[in-house]
Amino acid sequence: MRSEIISKKRVADHGEVFTAPREVNAMLDLVKQETERIEATFLEPACGHGNFLTEILRRKLRVVEGRYGKSPLEYERYTLLAVGSIYGIEIREDNVFECRSRLFSIVEDRFNRLFRADEFLRSIRFILERNIIWGDALSLKTAGDNPKPIVFSHWSLANGSMMQRRDFAFLELLSYGHTRQGPLFSDLGEDVFLPEPVRSYPLIHYLKLADAEGK
């Protein structure tokens, strides 16, 4: 069982206290319908090592498995959509790595019980590296030696096995949210309004997401 604190120094320096599983589930049950909607987006601006995000992912993947567990193609596509809907920012680098690892392990464990494809898991890892950010939600910048404005990627399913990636500046998303009172990314169908992306990528097969980086 995980402790709610790692060290007293980290509590003093960063106010780092992790929420216990019972409280996590009780809080998520308040928005239970959204946690079970595959495409619903969640952002935790101080995600720690992922107690909330991992439980959200488990709930989403139970829905994916129930609906698409007999179809490898559909299971992979909607698992990617579920993972791509979860975002986190964390100021401590070790927590970022652990959060990504925990989320990846949840997908890997469930996926290997049904199917097996290394390319698919490579795409999952690629998305997590872009959705779970080492940074400061207050400064809106990444952490490390060369801070930059935080950018999040929006992932959406397209024709057949294709996916669309668009990158948005976190600052612009916050400004949009304050003026329109909308979610991090709107996924309500045709009536979708978003700020201009800082970059849009060509449609790509969902198993080849990592291959498009830098192009």
Protein backbone atom coordinates (compact mmCIF):
# COMPACT_ATOMS: atom_id res chain seq x y z
CA MET A 1 0.00 0.00 0.00
CA ARG A 2 1.36 3.43 -1.00
CA SER A 3 2.06 6.01 1.68
CA GLU A 4 0.32 9.36 1.33
CA ILE A 5 3.70 11.11 1.70
CA ILE A 6 7.18 10.25 0.42
CA SER A 7 9.14 12.47 2.81
CA LYS A 8 8.56 15.35 5.20
CA LYS A 9 10.96 17.48 3.16
CA ARG A 10 8.86 17.04 0.03
CA VAL A 11 5.76 17.99 1.99
CA ALA A 12 7.50 21.13 3.26
CA ASP A 13 9.03 22.07 -0.11
CA HIS A 14 6.12 21.23 -2.43
CA GLY A 15 3.08 20.49 -0.26
CA GLU A 16 3.22 16.97 -1.67
CA VAL A 17 0.56 14.76 -0.06
CA PHE A 18 -1.05 12.04 -2.16
CA THR A 19 -4.77 11.32 -2.02
CA ALA A 20 -5.67 7.87 -0.71
CA PRO A 21 -7.56 5.46 -3.04
CA ARG A 22 -10.77 5.60 -1.00
CA GLU A 23 -10.93 9.39 -1.32
CA VAL A 24 -9.95 9.24 -4.99
CA ASN A 25 -12.85 6.92 -5.81
CA ALA A 26 -15.30 8.88 -3.69
CA MET A 27 -14.41 12.09 -5.50
CA LEU A 28 -14.53 10.48 -8.95
CA ASP A 29 -17.91 8.96 -8.16
CA LEU A 30 -19.24 12.52 -8.02
CA VAL A 31 -18.61 12.70 -11.79
CA LYS A 32 -19.03 8.98 -12.44
CA GLN A 33 -20.75 9.40 -15.79
CA GLU A 34 -17.86 11.45 -17.16
CA THR A 35 -15.20 9.02 -15.88
CA GLU A 36 -16.93 6.28 -17.88
CA ARG A 37 -17.17 8.31 -21.08
CA ILE A 38 -14.25 7.20 -23.24
CA GLU A 39 -13.61 10.56 -24.91
CA ALA A 40 -14.19 12.81 -21.87
CA THR A 41 -11.06 14.84 -21.16
CA PHE A 42 -9.44 15.21 -17.75
CA LEU A 43 -6.54 17.44 -16.69
CA GLU A 44 -4.90 17.26 -13.29
CA PRO A 45 -2.55 20.27 -12.87
CA ALA A 46 -0.63 18.67 -9.97
CA CYS A 47 -0.97 14.99 -10.79
CA GLY A 48 1.69 13.59 -8.45
CA HIS A 49 2.35 9.97 -9.36
CA GLY A 50 -1.10 9.58 -10.83
CA ASN A 51 -3.58 8.39 -8.20
CA PHE A 52 -6.50 10.17 -9.85
CA LEU A 53 -5.42 9.65 -13.45
CA THR A 54 -4.81 5.91 -13.05
CA GLU A 55 -8.29 5.38 -11.60
CA ILE A 56 -9.86 7.43 -14.39
CA LEU A 57 -8.02 5.31 -16.94
CA ARG A 58 -9.15 2.06 -15.28
CA ARG A 59 -12.76 3.20 -15.44
CA LYS A 60 -12.48 4.20 -19.08
CA LEU A 61 -10.78 0.94 -20.07
CA ARG A 62 -13.48 -1.14 -18.40
CA VAL A 63 -15.93 0.55 -20.76
CA VAL A 64 -13.63 0.01 -23.76
CA GLU A 65 -13.24 -3.68 -22.94
CA GLY A 66 -16.97 -4.14 -22.42
CA ARG A 67 -17.82 -2.56 -25.76
CA TYR A 68 -14.90 -3.52 -27.98
CA GLY A 69 -13.09 -6.42 -26.27
CA LYS A 70 -13.88 -8.82 -29.11
CA SER A 71 -12.48 -6.60 -31.87
CA PRO A 72 -8.71 -5.95 -31.80
CA LEU A 73 -9.01 -2.96 -34.16
CA GLU A 74 -11.77 -1.22 -32.23
CA TYR A 75 -10.22 -2.07 -28.86
CA GLU A 76 -6.91 -0.50 -29.90
CA ARG A 77 -8.52 2.61 -31.40
CA TYR A 78 -10.70 3.37 -28.40
CA THR A 79 -7.97 2.54 -25.91
CA LEU A 80 -5.81 5.14 -27.63
CA LEU A 81 -8.69 7.61 -27.45
CA ALA A 82 -9.12 6.90 -23.71
CA VAL A 83 -5.41 7.35 -22.99
CA GLY A 84 -5.28 10.45 -25.18
CA SER A 85 -8.07 12.08 -23.14
CA ILE A 86 -6.05 12.08 -19.90
CA TYR A 87 -3.63 14.94 -19.13
CA GLY A 88 -1.41 15.80 -16.20
CA ILE A 89 1.18 18.37 -15.13
CA GLU A 90 3.62 17.63 -12.33
CA ILE A 91 6.53 19.68 -11.03
CA ARG A 92 8.61 16.75 -9.71
CA GLU A 93 10.33 14.78 -12.46
CA ASP A 94 10.33 11.45 -10.61
CA ASN A 95 6.56 11.68 -10.18
CA VAL A 96 6.14 12.34 -13.90
CA PHE A 97 8.03 9.17 -14.81
CA GLU A 98 6.10 7.13 -12.26
CA CYS A 99 2.74 8.49 -13.41
CA ARG A 100 3.50 7.65 -17.03
CA SER A 101 4.73 4.21 -16.01
CA ARG A 102 1.63 3.45 -13.96
CA LEU A 103 -0.70 4.52 -16.75
CA PHE A 104 1.26 2.50 -19.30
CA SER A 105 1.22 -0.60 -17.10
CA ILE A 106 -2.57 -0.44 -16.78
CA VAL A 107 -2.93 -0.45 -20.57
CA GLU A 108 -0.26 -3.10 -21.05
CA ASP A 109 -1.71 -5.50 -18.47
CA ARG A 110 -5.23 -5.28 -19.85
CA PHE A 111 -4.12 -5.38 -23.46
CA ASN A 112 -1.90 -8.44 -23.07
CA ARG A 113 -4.80 -10.39 -21.65
CA LEU A 114 -6.65 -9.91 -24.93
CA PHE A 115 -4.19 -9.21 -27.72
CA ARG A 116 -0.51 -8.49 -28.25
CA ALA A 117 1.04 -5.84 -30.48
CA ASP A 118 4.26 -4.00 -29.75
CA GLU A 119 3.45 -1.18 -32.19
CA PHE A 120 0.24 -0.39 -30.35
CA LEU A 121 1.99 -0.15 -26.99
CA ARG A 122 4.63 2.07 -28.60
CA SER A 123 1.85 4.48 -29.61
CA ILE A 124 0.47 4.41 -26.06
CA ARG A 125 3.87 5.34 -24.64
CA PHE A 126 4.21 8.13 -27.20
CA ILE A 127 0.88 9.68 -26.18
CA LEU A 128 1.69 9.47 -22.47
CA GLU A 129 5.00 11.26 -23.01
CA ARG A 130 3.08 14.19 -24.47
CA ASN A 131 0.08 14.17 -22.16
CA ILE A 132 1.86 13.87 -18.79
CA ILE A 133 4.06 16.95 -18.64
CA TRP A 134 6.99 17.76 -16.38
CA GLY A 135 6.19 21.36 -15.64
CA ASP A 136 4.61 24.01 -13.44
CA ALA A 137 0.88 24.62 -13.86
CA LEU A 138 1.26 28.05 -12.22
CA SER A 139 3.96 29.36 -14.56
CA LEU A 140 2.42 27.46 -17.51
CA LYS A 141 5.93 26.33 -18.48
CA THR A 142 7.82 23.07 -18.60
CA ALA A 143 10.41 22.33 -15.92
CA GLY A 144 14.13 21.66 -16.37
CA ASP A 145 17.01 23.74 -17.64
CA ASN A 146 15.18 25.23 -20.61
CA PRO A 147 11.56 26.03 -19.64
CA LYS A 148 9.12 26.44 -22.51
CA PRO A 149 5.39 27.16 -22.67
CA ILE A 150 3.43 23.97 -22.00
CA VAL A 151 1.86 22.48 -25.11
CA PHE A 152 -0.75 19.72 -25.06
CA SER A 153 -1.70 17.44 -27.92
CA HIS A 154 -5.30 16.74 -28.80
CA TRP A 155 -5.89 13.25 -30.24
CA SER A 156 -8.95 12.33 -32.27
CA LEU A 157 -10.02 9.33 -34.31
CA ALA A 158 -10.44 9.90 -38.02
CA ASN A 159 -11.17 7.66 -40.97
CA GLY A 160 -10.77 3.96 -40.24
CA SER A 161 -7.41 3.43 -38.54
CA MET A 162 -6.24 7.02 -38.80
CA MET A 163 -5.70 9.57 -36.02
CA GLN A 164 -5.36 13.33 -35.98
CA ARG A 165 -2.96 15.15 -33.66
CA ARG A 166 -3.15 18.88 -33.05
CA ASP A 167 -0.95 20.76 -30.56
CA PHE A 168 -2.34 23.61 -28.46
CA ALA A 169 -0.62 26.05 -26.12
CA PHE A 170 -1.86 25.50 -22.58
CA LEU A 171 -2.14 29.27 -22.06
CA GLU A 172 -4.52 29.54 -25.01
CA LEU A 173 -6.61 26.64 -23.75
CA LEU A 174 -6.92 28.29 -20.35
CA SER A 175 -7.95 31.59 -21.93
CA TYR A 176 -10.49 29.75 -24.04
CA GLY A 177 -11.84 27.94 -21.01
CA HIS A 178 -12.24 31.14 -19.00
CA THR A 179 -14.12 32.93 -21.78
CA ARG A 180 -16.28 30.01 -22.92
CA GLN A 181 -16.35 27.98 -19.70
CA GLY A 182 -15.52 24.87 -21.67
CA PRO A 183 -13.39 21.79 -20.96
CA LEU A 184 -9.72 21.41 -21.80
CA PHE A 185 -10.75 20.10 -25.21
CA SER A 186 -14.36 20.09 -26.39
CA ASP A 187 -15.56 16.77 -27.80
CA LEU A 188 -19.23 17.55 -28.31
CA GLY A 189 -19.40 16.76 -32.00
CA GLU A 190 -19.90 19.29 -34.76
CA ASP A 191 -20.27 22.39 -32.56
CA VAL A 192 -16.64 22.39 -31.46
CA PHE A 193 -14.68 25.62 -30.92
CA LEU A 194 -11.01 25.61 -30.06
CA PRO A 195 -8.21 28.16 -30.23
CA GLU A 196 -5.90 27.90 -33.18
CA PRO A 197 -3.45 25.00 -32.80
CA VAL A 198 0.24 25.82 -32.73
CA ARG A 199 0.73 22.84 -35.00
CA SER A 200 -1.44 20.34 -36.86
CA TYR A 201 -0.14 17.00 -38.08
CA PRO A 202 -1.24 15.01 -41.13
CA LEU A 203 -3.53 12.06 -40.52
CA ILE A 204 -1.52 9.01 -39.57
CA HIS A 205 -2.22 5.36 -38.78
CA TYR A 206 -2.66 4.92 -35.04
CA LEU A 207 0.16 2.36 -34.91
CA LYS A 208 2.56 4.89 -36.47
CA LEU A 209 2.05 7.89 -34.18
CA ALA A 210 5.62 7.89 -32.88
CA ASP A 211 6.98 7.88 -36.43
CA ALA A 212 5.55 11.34 -37.13
CA GLU A 213 7.50 13.09 -34.37
CA GLY A 214 9.75 15.79 -35.77
CA LYS A 215 8.31 15.63 -39.26
